[in-house]
């Protein structure tokens, strides 16, 4: 029995809370420019692989401010060593507020792609894999879906561009990110997400309550 996804409950609860965007920006040293959220995963290996690719976008879009949603337990010094001299902000404990104000996002494949979609934020999905292009050549033999991000799998089409394996490089990510700046393509992404509401609809009482009820039964 499908019991819903707890991320839907979490995002829904957050969206029902009072939120002051100006206060959030001021508290985190963010100016009035459009925000691009960078979600590079929670493990050091993921961050070390993906974040350097993500932050290179800042060199091409000075009209935006790029903000890393830092993972708990990963120290600021580590992020700073990965980011280097790039003009990027790093904030902790504020992933949902960041997604609430973000104009676009670049996201490491995982639960964060679904959370970003629930906030209706257009995104590019990035994932580095060991072996790069060779691994991706083997992918059709091992994985039966053409997609790896949760939203694309659920909808069975490429709503969000994916840069995987050997294509997870600065050039490919820049090409994919440019799609998010085209109004017609942005609108299509948001429209596709709205049409998917039934796929992740929130069950009465929430996913956790339904799970507990089923276990008791």
Protein backbone atom coordinates (compact mmCIF):
# COMPACT_ATOMS: atom_id res chain seq x y z
CA UNK A 1 0.00 0.00 0.00
CA UNK A 2 1.29 3.42 -0.93
CA UNK A 3 1.40 5.56 2.20
CA UNK A 4 2.71 8.82 0.76
CA UNK A 5 6.09 10.42 1.10
CA UNK A 6 7.08 12.09 4.39
CA UNK A 7 8.84 14.84 2.43
CA UNK A 8 5.41 15.95 1.22
CA UNK A 9 4.26 16.30 4.82
CA UNK A 10 7.40 18.21 5.84
CA UNK A 11 7.27 20.68 2.95
CA UNK A 12 3.52 21.17 3.33
CA UNK A 13 3.92 21.94 7.05
CA UNK A 14 6.71 24.40 6.34
CA UNK A 15 4.73 26.18 3.64
CA UNK A 16 1.92 26.74 6.13
CA UNK A 17 4.25 28.56 8.52
CA UNK A 18 4.73 32.32 8.53
CA UNK A 19 7.80 33.32 6.55
CA UNK A 20 9.51 36.66 6.05
CA UNK A 21 11.78 36.60 3.00
CA UNK A 22 13.35 39.97 3.78
CA UNK A 23 14.22 38.80 7.28
CA UNK A 24 15.69 35.55 5.94
CA UNK A 25 17.86 37.42 3.45
CA UNK A 26 19.06 39.90 6.07
CA UNK A 27 19.85 37.18 8.61
CA UNK A 28 22.03 35.34 6.08
CA UNK A 29 23.72 38.30 4.41
CA UNK A 30 21.83 37.87 1.14
CA UNK A 31 21.09 40.82 -1.10
CA UNK A 32 18.13 41.36 -3.42
CA UNK A 33 19.48 39.37 -6.38
CA UNK A 34 17.71 36.15 -7.46
CA UNK A 35 18.92 33.15 -5.47
CA UNK A 36 20.23 29.91 -6.93
CA UNK A 37 20.25 27.11 -4.34
CA UNK A 38 23.08 24.59 -4.47
CA UNK A 39 22.30 21.26 -2.79
CA UNK A 40 25.40 19.09 -3.10
CA UNK A 41 24.39 16.19 -0.88
CA UNK A 42 25.20 15.29 2.71
CA UNK A 43 28.32 13.14 2.39
CA UNK A 44 31.79 14.59 1.99
CA UNK A 45 32.53 12.51 -1.10
CA UNK A 46 29.39 13.78 -2.83
CA UNK A 47 30.14 17.37 -1.87
CA UNK A 48 33.75 17.12 -2.99
CA UNK A 49 32.66 15.66 -6.35
CA UNK A 50 29.65 17.83 -7.17
CA UNK A 51 30.04 21.19 -5.49
CA UNK A 52 33.09 22.40 -7.50
CA UNK A 53 31.06 21.87 -10.68
CA UNK A 54 28.06 23.70 -9.26
CA UNK A 55 29.92 26.77 -8.03
CA UNK A 56 31.48 27.41 -11.43
CA UNK A 57 28.07 28.68 -12.51
CA UNK A 58 28.67 31.75 -10.35
CA UNK A 59 31.28 32.95 -12.85
CA UNK A 60 28.63 33.09 -15.60
CA UNK A 61 25.69 34.50 -13.63
CA UNK A 62 26.90 37.42 -11.57
CA UNK A 63 23.35 38.77 -11.61
CA UNK A 64 22.38 35.90 -9.28
CA UNK A 65 23.67 34.89 -5.87
CA UNK A 66 24.56 31.25 -5.34
CA UNK A 67 23.86 29.79 -1.93
CA UNK A 68 25.00 26.40 -0.65
CA UNK A 69 22.62 24.57 1.67
CA UNK A 70 25.22 23.07 3.99
CA UNK A 71 24.69 19.61 5.45
CA UNK A 72 24.65 19.26 9.25
CA UNK A 73 27.81 17.64 10.56
CA UNK A 74 29.98 18.92 7.72
CA UNK A 75 32.13 21.75 9.01
CA UNK A 76 32.31 25.16 7.34
CA UNK A 77 36.04 24.78 6.74
CA UNK A 78 35.38 21.80 4.49
CA UNK A 79 32.88 23.74 2.38
CA UNK A 80 35.24 26.69 2.16
CA UNK A 81 38.06 24.46 0.95
CA UNK A 82 35.82 23.04 -1.78
CA UNK A 83 34.30 26.36 -2.85
CA UNK A 84 37.64 28.18 -2.92
CA UNK A 85 37.51 31.77 -4.12
CA UNK A 86 34.11 31.54 -5.79
CA UNK A 87 31.52 34.12 -4.71
CA UNK A 88 29.18 31.71 -2.98
CA UNK A 89 27.33 31.89 0.34
CA UNK A 90 27.19 28.90 2.68
CA UNK A 91 24.31 28.61 5.14
CA UNK A 92 23.36 25.92 7.66
CA UNK A 93 20.00 24.67 8.87
CA UNK A 94 17.97 26.57 6.30
CA UNK A 95 17.38 24.28 3.31
CA UNK A 96 13.61 24.76 3.26
CA UNK A 97 13.75 28.56 3.69
CA UNK A 98 16.38 28.64 0.94
CA UNK A 99 14.22 26.62 -1.45
CA UNK A 100 11.24 28.80 -0.61
CA UNK A 101 13.03 31.87 -1.98
CA UNK A 102 15.16 30.23 -4.70
CA UNK A 103 14.66 31.11 -8.34
CA UNK A 104 16.46 27.95 -9.48
CA UNK A 105 18.56 25.14 -8.03
CA UNK A 106 21.34 22.72 -8.86
CA UNK A 107 20.81 19.54 -6.88
CA UNK A 108 22.72 16.35 -6.17
CA UNK A 109 20.45 13.43 -7.07
CA UNK A 110 18.53 12.11 -4.07
CA UNK A 111 15.66 13.10 -1.80
CA UNK A 112 16.61 16.76 -2.27
CA UNK A 113 15.41 16.61 -5.88
CA UNK A 114 11.90 15.74 -4.69
CA UNK A 115 11.98 18.40 -1.97
CA UNK A 116 13.07 21.00 -4.53
CA UNK A 117 10.23 19.93 -6.82
CA UNK A 118 7.70 20.26 -4.01
CA UNK A 119 8.77 23.89 -3.70
CA UNK A 120 8.16 24.25 -7.47
CA UNK A 121 11.78 25.28 -8.07
CA UNK A 122 13.23 24.50 -11.53
CA UNK A 123 16.43 22.51 -11.09
CA UNK A 124 19.35 20.79 -12.75
CA UNK A 125 20.16 17.37 -11.31
CA UNK A 126 23.84 16.50 -10.99
CA UNK A 127 25.50 13.27 -9.94
CA UNK A 128 29.10 12.15 -10.29
CA UNK A 129 29.73 8.42 -10.41
CA UNK A 130 32.92 6.39 -10.19
CA UNK A 131 34.11 5.49 -13.67
CA UNK A 132 32.41 8.44 -15.37
CA UNK A 133 31.49 7.67 -18.98
CA UNK A 134 32.28 3.95 -18.71
CA UNK A 135 29.84 3.55 -15.84
CA UNK A 136 27.17 5.44 -17.77
CA UNK A 137 27.65 3.12 -20.75
CA UNK A 138 26.85 0.21 -18.44
CA UNK A 139 23.86 1.97 -16.87
CA UNK A 140 21.20 0.60 -19.31
CA UNK A 141 22.31 -2.94 -18.44
CA UNK A 142 21.97 -2.40 -14.69
CA UNK A 143 19.19 0.18 -14.26
CA UNK A 144 15.85 -0.18 -16.02
CA UNK A 145 14.76 3.45 -15.85
CA UNK A 146 16.28 6.10 -18.12
CA UNK A 147 16.16 8.60 -15.23
CA UNK A 148 17.80 8.79 -11.83
CA UNK A 149 16.06 11.75 -10.17
CA UNK A 150 12.85 11.02 -8.30
CA UNK A 151 10.61 13.47 -10.16
CA UNK A 152 11.69 12.28 -13.60
CA UNK A 153 11.17 8.66 -12.51
CA UNK A 154 7.69 9.42 -11.13
CA UNK A 155 6.60 11.26 -14.27
CA UNK A 156 8.57 8.96 -16.61
CA UNK A 157 9.90 11.89 -18.60
CA UNK A 158 12.74 14.37 -18.38
CA UNK A 159 11.07 17.23 -16.55
CA UNK A 160 14.43 18.27 -15.11
CA UNK A 161 17.72 18.01 -17.03
CA UNK A 162 20.12 15.46 -15.57
CA UNK A 163 23.92 15.72 -15.79
CA UNK A 164 25.28 12.34 -14.77
CA UNK A 165 28.58 10.54 -14.81
CA UNK A 166 30.85 11.93 -17.52
CA UNK A 167 28.27 14.62 -18.29
CA UNK A 168 28.53 15.94 -14.74
CA UNK A 169 30.98 18.64 -15.75
CA UNK A 170 30.96 22.42 -15.76
CA UNK A 171 30.16 22.75 -19.48
CA UNK A 172 27.19 20.37 -19.44
CA UNK A 173 25.80 21.82 -16.22
CA UNK A 174 26.05 25.33 -17.65
CA UNK A 175 24.17 24.23 -20.79
CA UNK A 176 21.47 22.61 -18.66
CA UNK A 177 21.22 25.58 -16.31
CA UNK A 178 20.65 27.92 -19.24
CA UNK A 179 17.37 26.08 -19.87
CA UNK A 180 16.15 27.27 -16.47
CA UNK A 181 16.59 30.88 -17.58
CA UNK A 182 14.25 30.50 -20.58
CA UNK A 183 10.71 31.52 -19.50
CA UNK A 184 8.92 28.99 -21.71
CA UNK A 185 11.00 26.09 -20.37
CA UNK A 186 10.69 27.28 -16.77
CA UNK A 187 6.92 27.49 -17.14
CA UNK A 188 6.79 24.00 -18.65
CA UNK A 189 8.73 22.57 -15.69
CA UNK A 190 6.41 24.20 -13.16
CA UNK A 191 3.35 23.06 -15.12
CA UNK A 192 4.63 19.48 -15.21
CA UNK A 193 5.16 19.57 -11.46
CA UNK A 194 1.62 20.79 -10.83
CA UNK A 195 0.26 17.96 -12.95
CA UNK A 196 2.14 15.50 -10.73
CA UNK A 197 0.40 16.49 -7.50
CA UNK A 198 -1.68 13.30 -7.49
CA UNK A 199 1.49 11.19 -7.57
CA UNK A 200 2.70 12.54 -4.24
CA UNK A 201 -0.56 13.72 -2.74
CA UNK A 202 -0.59 14.03 1.01
CA UNK A 203 -2.68 11.28 2.66
CA UNK A 204 -5.13 12.24 5.39
CA UNK A 205 -3.18 12.62 8.63
CA UNK A 206 0.16 12.43 6.87
CA UNK A 207 2.44 9.56 5.81
CA UNK A 208 3.75 8.80 9.31
CA UNK A 209 0.25 8.44 10.77
CA UNK A 210 -0.84 6.14 7.94
CA UNK A 211 2.27 3.98 8.35
CA UNK A 212 1.58 3.63 12.08
CA UNK A 213 -2.06 2.75 11.42
CA UNK A 214 -1.09 0.05 8.93
CA UNK A 215 1.46 -1.44 11.33
CA UNK A 216 -1.13 -1.59 14.12
CA UNK A 217 -3.63 -3.24 11.81
